[in-house]
């Protein structure tokens, strides 16, 4: 095999590996239970867009925590990283009626951060993982609705305008 052909094959393999890694990031790492998605917007705009989409669906946004700002206050550096706490008392209460301990994981959280390459990511815990963690087995329809709603919110947040 000549050098040109070998170089081309290496480039194709590298591109495939990069695509696979990005796809894995979008699906979420199976070992941590997080659902990840890339955003074409910066961290602040991404969270602004998520807040707007959540409000349109009747969800409450309880807090936004800017981890990078907190790091700056102590003289430390951190790429843009912020957490949004949001939810629905109607949904959360139904889950807590099954098992109150899930209240430690509610309201839901969404993290947005900028990676070392300057890309913005979103992540949130998979609702199915949360109910499994707390042994809830009688709310499948609630969990399915949560997962569908969250996927829709993230899709609306990350859609190019």
C-alpha atoms as a PDB file:
ATOM      1  CA  UNK A   1       0.000   0.000   0.000  1.00  0.00           C
ATOM      2  CA  UNK A   2       1.484   3.368  -0.970  1.00  0.00           C
ATOM      3  CA  UNK A   3       1.970   6.253   1.446  1.00  0.00           C
ATOM      4  CA  UNK A   4      -0.835   8.393  -0.030  1.00  0.00           C
ATOM      5  CA  UNK A   5      -3.367   5.622   0.301  1.00  0.00           C
ATOM      6  CA  UNK A   6      -2.225   4.792   3.826  1.00  0.00           C
ATOM      7  CA  UNK A   7      -2.483   8.470   4.792  1.00  0.00           C
ATOM      8  CA  UNK A   8      -5.998   8.678   3.364  1.00  0.00           C
ATOM      9  CA  UNK A   9      -7.045   5.570   5.276  1.00  0.00           C
ATOM     10  CA  UNK A  10      -5.610   7.004   8.488  1.00  0.00           C
ATOM     11  CA  UNK A  11      -7.564  10.251   7.963  1.00  0.00           C
ATOM     12  CA  UNK A  12     -10.773   8.296   7.376  1.00  0.00           C
ATOM     13  CA  UNK A  13     -10.207   6.230  10.524  1.00  0.00           C
ATOM     14  CA  UNK A  14      -9.502   9.349  12.599  1.00  0.00           C
ATOM     15  CA  UNK A  15     -12.615  11.076  11.269  1.00  0.00           C
ATOM     16  CA  UNK A  16     -14.675   7.964  12.028  1.00  0.00           C
ATOM     17  CA  UNK A  17     -13.297   7.775  15.551  1.00  0.00           C
ATOM     18  CA  UNK A  18     -14.041  11.464  16.148  1.00  0.00           C
ATOM     19  CA  UNK A  19     -17.585  11.038  14.844  1.00  0.00           C
ATOM     20  CA  UNK A  20     -18.109   7.968  17.034  1.00  0.00           C
ATOM     21  CA  UNK A  21     -16.819   9.841  20.092  1.00  0.00           C
ATOM     22  CA  UNK A  22     -19.158  12.745  19.388  1.00  0.00           C
ATOM     23  CA  UNK A  23     -22.087  10.363  18.900  1.00  0.00           C
ATOM     24  CA  UNK A  24     -21.243   8.677  22.208  1.00  0.00           C
ATOM     25  CA  UNK A  25     -21.251  12.096  23.852  1.00  0.00           C
ATOM     26  CA  UNK A  26     -24.664  12.861  22.390  1.00  0.00           C
ATOM     27  CA  UNK A  27     -26.102   9.568  23.627  1.00  0.00           C
ATOM     28  CA  UNK A  28     -24.474   9.889  27.009  1.00  0.00           C
ATOM     29  CA  UNK A  29     -21.954   7.688  28.680  1.00  0.00           C
ATOM     30  CA  UNK A  30     -23.607   4.531  29.915  1.00  0.00           C
ATOM     31  CA  UNK A  31     -21.532   4.528  33.080  1.00  0.00           C
ATOM     32  CA  UNK A  32     -22.712   7.896  34.416  1.00  0.00           C
ATOM     33  CA  UNK A  33     -26.368   7.971  33.355  1.00  0.00           C
ATOM     34  CA  UNK A  34     -26.142  11.403  31.769  1.00  0.00           C
ATOM     35  CA  UNK A  35     -27.786  12.334  28.496  1.00  0.00           C
ATOM     36  CA  UNK A  36     -25.468  14.690  26.585  1.00  0.00           C
ATOM     37  CA  UNK A  37     -26.063  16.972  23.624  1.00  0.00           C
ATOM     38  CA  UNK A  38     -23.946  19.549  21.843  1.00  0.00           C
ATOM     39  CA  UNK A  39     -25.194  23.084  21.515  1.00  0.00           C
ATOM     40  CA  UNK A  40     -24.193  25.494  18.760  1.00  0.00           C
ATOM     41  CA  UNK A  41     -24.535  28.345  21.257  1.00  0.00           C
ATOM     42  CA  UNK A  42     -22.425  29.493  24.183  1.00  0.00           C
ATOM     43  CA  UNK A  43     -23.235  28.350  27.712  1.00  0.00           C
ATOM     44  CA  UNK A  44     -25.231  31.448  28.695  1.00  0.00           C
ATOM     45  CA  UNK A  45     -27.269  31.558  25.488  1.00  0.00           C
ATOM     46  CA  UNK A  46     -27.860  27.815  25.657  1.00  0.00           C
ATOM     47  CA  UNK A  47     -29.292  28.104  29.160  1.00  0.00           C
ATOM     48  CA  UNK A  48     -31.336  31.177  28.175  1.00  0.00           C
ATOM     49  CA  UNK A  49     -32.813  29.164  25.310  1.00  0.00           C
ATOM     50  CA  UNK A  50     -33.523  26.191  27.577  1.00  0.00           C
ATOM     51  CA  UNK A  51     -35.214  28.433  30.162  1.00  0.00           C
ATOM     52  CA  UNK A  52     -37.436  29.933  27.474  1.00  0.00           C
ATOM     53  CA  UNK A  53     -38.380  26.509  26.083  1.00  0.00           C
ATOM     54  CA  UNK A  54     -39.053  25.177  29.599  1.00  0.00           C
ATOM     55  CA  UNK A  55     -41.253  28.159  30.494  1.00  0.00           C
ATOM     56  CA  UNK A  56     -43.243  27.648  27.286  1.00  0.00           C
ATOM     57  CA  UNK A  57     -43.948  24.085  28.456  1.00  0.00           C
ATOM     58  CA  UNK A  58     -45.057  25.271  31.901  1.00  0.00           C
ATOM     59  CA  UNK A  59     -41.968  24.149  33.795  1.00  0.00           C
ATOM     60  CA  UNK A  60     -40.543  26.113  36.682  1.00  0.00           C
ATOM     61  CA  UNK A  61     -36.942  27.294  36.658  1.00  0.00           C
ATOM     62  CA  UNK A  62     -35.844  27.495  40.272  1.00  0.00           C
ATOM     63  CA  UNK A  63     -32.205  28.575  40.000  1.00  0.00           C
ATOM     64  CA  UNK A  64     -29.201  29.082  37.781  1.00  0.00           C
ATOM     65  CA  UNK A  65     -25.809  28.496  39.330  1.00  0.00           C
ATOM     66  CA  UNK A  66     -22.790  29.872  37.498  1.00  0.00           C
ATOM     67  CA  UNK A  67     -19.893  27.649  38.550  1.00  0.00           C
ATOM     68  CA  UNK A  68     -17.365  29.655  36.517  1.00  0.00           C
ATOM     69  CA  UNK A  69     -18.408  32.847  38.289  1.00  0.00           C
ATOM     70  CA  UNK A  70     -18.014  31.138  41.665  1.00  0.00           C
ATOM     71  CA  UNK A  71     -14.565  29.905  40.648  1.00  0.00           C
ATOM     72  CA  UNK A  72     -13.621  33.447  39.621  1.00  0.00           C
ATOM     73  CA  UNK A  73     -14.636  34.739  43.060  1.00  0.00           C
ATOM     74  CA  UNK A  74     -12.035  32.476  44.673  1.00  0.00           C
ATOM     75  CA  UNK A  75      -9.383  33.328  42.106  1.00  0.00           C
ATOM     76  CA  UNK A  76      -9.646  30.063  40.188  1.00  0.00           C
ATOM     77  CA  UNK A  77     -10.182  29.548  36.484  1.00  0.00           C
ATOM     78  CA  UNK A  78     -12.989  27.442  35.075  1.00  0.00           C
ATOM     79  CA  UNK A  79     -14.312  27.376  31.542  1.00  0.00           C
ATOM     80  CA  UNK A  80     -17.944  28.518  31.305  1.00  0.00           C
ATOM     81  CA  UNK A  81     -19.999  26.041  33.331  1.00  0.00           C
ATOM     82  CA  UNK A  82     -23.490  26.610  34.706  1.00  0.00           C
ATOM     83  CA  UNK A  83     -26.273  24.540  36.241  1.00  0.00           C
ATOM     84  CA  UNK A  84     -29.993  25.085  35.797  1.00  0.00           C
ATOM     85  CA  UNK A  85     -32.422  23.656  38.354  1.00  0.00           C
ATOM     86  CA  UNK A  86     -35.922  23.178  36.961  1.00  0.00           C
ATOM     87  CA  UNK A  87     -38.960  21.002  37.161  1.00  0.00           C
ATOM     88  CA  UNK A  88     -42.654  20.454  37.507  1.00  0.00           C
ATOM     89  CA  UNK A  89     -44.279  19.980  40.924  1.00  0.00           C
ATOM     90  CA  UNK A  90     -47.016  17.956  39.227  1.00  0.00           C
ATOM     91  CA  UNK A  91     -44.503  15.428  37.910  1.00  0.00           C
ATOM     92  CA  UNK A  92     -42.086  15.493  40.841  1.00  0.00           C
ATOM     93  CA  UNK A  93     -44.870  14.987  43.360  1.00  0.00           C
ATOM     94  CA  UNK A  94     -46.130  11.917  41.503  1.00  0.00           C
ATOM     95  CA  UNK A  95     -42.654  10.409  41.663  1.00  0.00           C
ATOM     96  CA  UNK A  96     -42.233  11.289  45.342  1.00  0.00           C
ATOM     97  CA  UNK A  97     -45.609   9.691  46.100  1.00  0.00           C
ATOM     98  CA  UNK A  98     -44.043   6.440  44.935  1.00  0.00           C
ATOM     99  CA  UNK A  99     -40.773   6.934  46.810  1.00  0.00           C
ATOM    100  CA  UNK A 100     -39.936  10.108  48.697  1.00  0.00           C
ATOM    101  CA  UNK A 101     -36.195   9.579  48.451  1.00  0.00           C
ATOM    102  CA  UNK A 102     -36.295  10.654  44.789  1.00  0.00           C
ATOM    103  CA  UNK A 103     -36.704  14.158  46.228  1.00  0.00           C
ATOM    104  CA  UNK A 104     -32.911  14.209  46.623  1.00  0.00           C
ATOM    105  CA  UNK A 105     -32.668  14.153  42.812  1.00  0.00           C
ATOM    106  CA  UNK A 106     -35.534  16.577  42.187  1.00  0.00           C
ATOM    107  CA  UNK A 107     -35.961  19.175  40.899  1.00  0.00           C
ATOM    108  CA  UNK A 108     -34.092  18.142  37.785  1.00  0.00           C
ATOM    109  CA  UNK A 109     -30.745  19.629  36.847  1.00  0.00           C
ATOM    110  CA  UNK A 110     -29.228  20.539  33.511  1.00  0.00           C
ATOM    111  CA  UNK A 111     -25.528  21.340  33.226  1.00  0.00           C
ATOM    112  CA  UNK A 112     -24.107  23.403  30.365  1.00  0.00           C
ATOM    113  CA  UNK A 113     -20.358  23.732  29.904  1.00  0.00           C
ATOM    114  CA  UNK A 114     -17.701  24.648  27.418  1.00  0.00           C
ATOM    115  CA  UNK A 115     -15.114  21.965  26.741  1.00  0.00           C
ATOM    116  CA  UNK A 116     -11.406  22.494  26.046  1.00  0.00           C
ATOM    117  CA  UNK A 117     -12.109  22.796  22.295  1.00  0.00           C
ATOM    118  CA  UNK A 118     -14.644  25.587  22.873  1.00  0.00           C
ATOM    119  CA  UNK A 119     -17.719  23.420  22.202  1.00  0.00           C
ATOM    120  CA  UNK A 120     -20.797  23.796  24.385  1.00  0.00           C
ATOM    121  CA  UNK A 121     -22.441  20.735  25.879  1.00  0.00           C
ATOM    122  CA  UNK A 122     -25.615  20.050  27.840  1.00  0.00           C
ATOM    123  CA  UNK A 123     -26.136  17.114  30.171  1.00  0.00           C
ATOM    124  CA  UNK A 124     -28.921  15.938  32.420  1.00  0.00           C
ATOM    125  CA  UNK A 125     -29.518  12.712  34.326  1.00  0.00           C
ATOM    126  CA  UNK A 126     -31.658  10.145  32.530  1.00  0.00           C
ATOM    127  CA  UNK A 127     -35.033  10.041  34.315  1.00  0.00           C
ATOM    128  CA  UNK A 128     -35.098   6.240  33.917  1.00  0.00           C
ATOM    129  CA  UNK A 129     -31.850   6.066  35.887  1.00  0.00           C
ATOM    130  CA  UNK A 130     -33.260   8.259  38.657  1.00  0.00           C
ATOM    131  CA  UNK A 131     -36.376   6.134  39.151  1.00  0.00           C
ATOM    132  CA  UNK A 132     -34.304   2.946  38.994  1.00  0.00           C
ATOM    133  CA  UNK A 133     -31.943   4.401  41.603  1.00  0.00           C
ATOM    134  CA  UNK A 134     -34.893   4.912  43.947  1.00  0.00           C
ATOM    135  CA  UNK A 135     -36.660   1.665  43.122  1.00  0.00           C
ATOM    136  CA  UNK A 136     -39.733   3.293  41.559  1.00  0.00           C
ATOM    137  CA  UNK A 137     -41.523   0.769  39.388  1.00  0.00           C
ATOM    138  CA  UNK A 138     -45.057   2.149  39.171  1.00  0.00           C
ATOM    139  CA  UNK A 139     -44.526   5.337  37.144  1.00  0.00           C
ATOM    140  CA  UNK A 140     -43.393   4.137  33.722  1.00  0.00           C
ATOM    141  CA  UNK A 141     -45.758   6.510  31.900  1.00  0.00           C
ATOM    142  CA  UNK A 142     -44.478   9.467  33.922  1.00  0.00           C
ATOM    143  CA  UNK A 143     -40.856   8.583  33.160  1.00  0.00           C
ATOM    144  CA  UNK A 144     -41.571   8.061  29.458  1.00  0.00           C
ATOM    145  CA  UNK A 145     -43.240  11.480  29.353  1.00  0.00           C
ATOM    146  CA  UNK A 146     -40.299  13.089  31.150  1.00  0.00           C
ATOM    147  CA  UNK A 147     -37.790  11.564  28.761  1.00  0.00           C
ATOM    148  CA  UNK A 148     -39.764  12.672  25.726  1.00  0.00           C
ATOM    149  CA  UNK A 149     -40.259  16.186  27.116  1.00  0.00           C
ATOM    150  CA  UNK A 150     -36.583  16.581  28.024  1.00  0.00           C
ATOM    151  CA  UNK A 151     -35.461  15.379  24.605  1.00  0.00           C
ATOM    152  CA  UNK A 152     -37.837  17.909  23.025  1.00  0.00           C
ATOM    153  CA  UNK A 153     -36.600  20.738  25.221  1.00  0.00           C
ATOM    154  CA  UNK A 154     -32.984  19.978  24.397  1.00  0.00           C
ATOM    155  CA  UNK A 155     -33.794  19.726  20.693  1.00  0.00           C
ATOM    156  CA  UNK A 156     -35.526  23.135  20.820  1.00  0.00           C
ATOM    157  CA  UNK A 157     -32.620  24.582  22.794  1.00  0.00           C
ATOM    158  CA  UNK A 158     -29.929  23.373  20.428  1.00  0.00           C
ATOM    159  CA  UNK A 159     -31.772  23.993  17.145  1.00  0.00           C
ATOM    160  CA  UNK A 160     -30.152  26.597  14.948  1.00  0.00           C
ATOM    161  CA  UNK A 161     -32.330  29.666  14.602  1.00  0.00           C
END
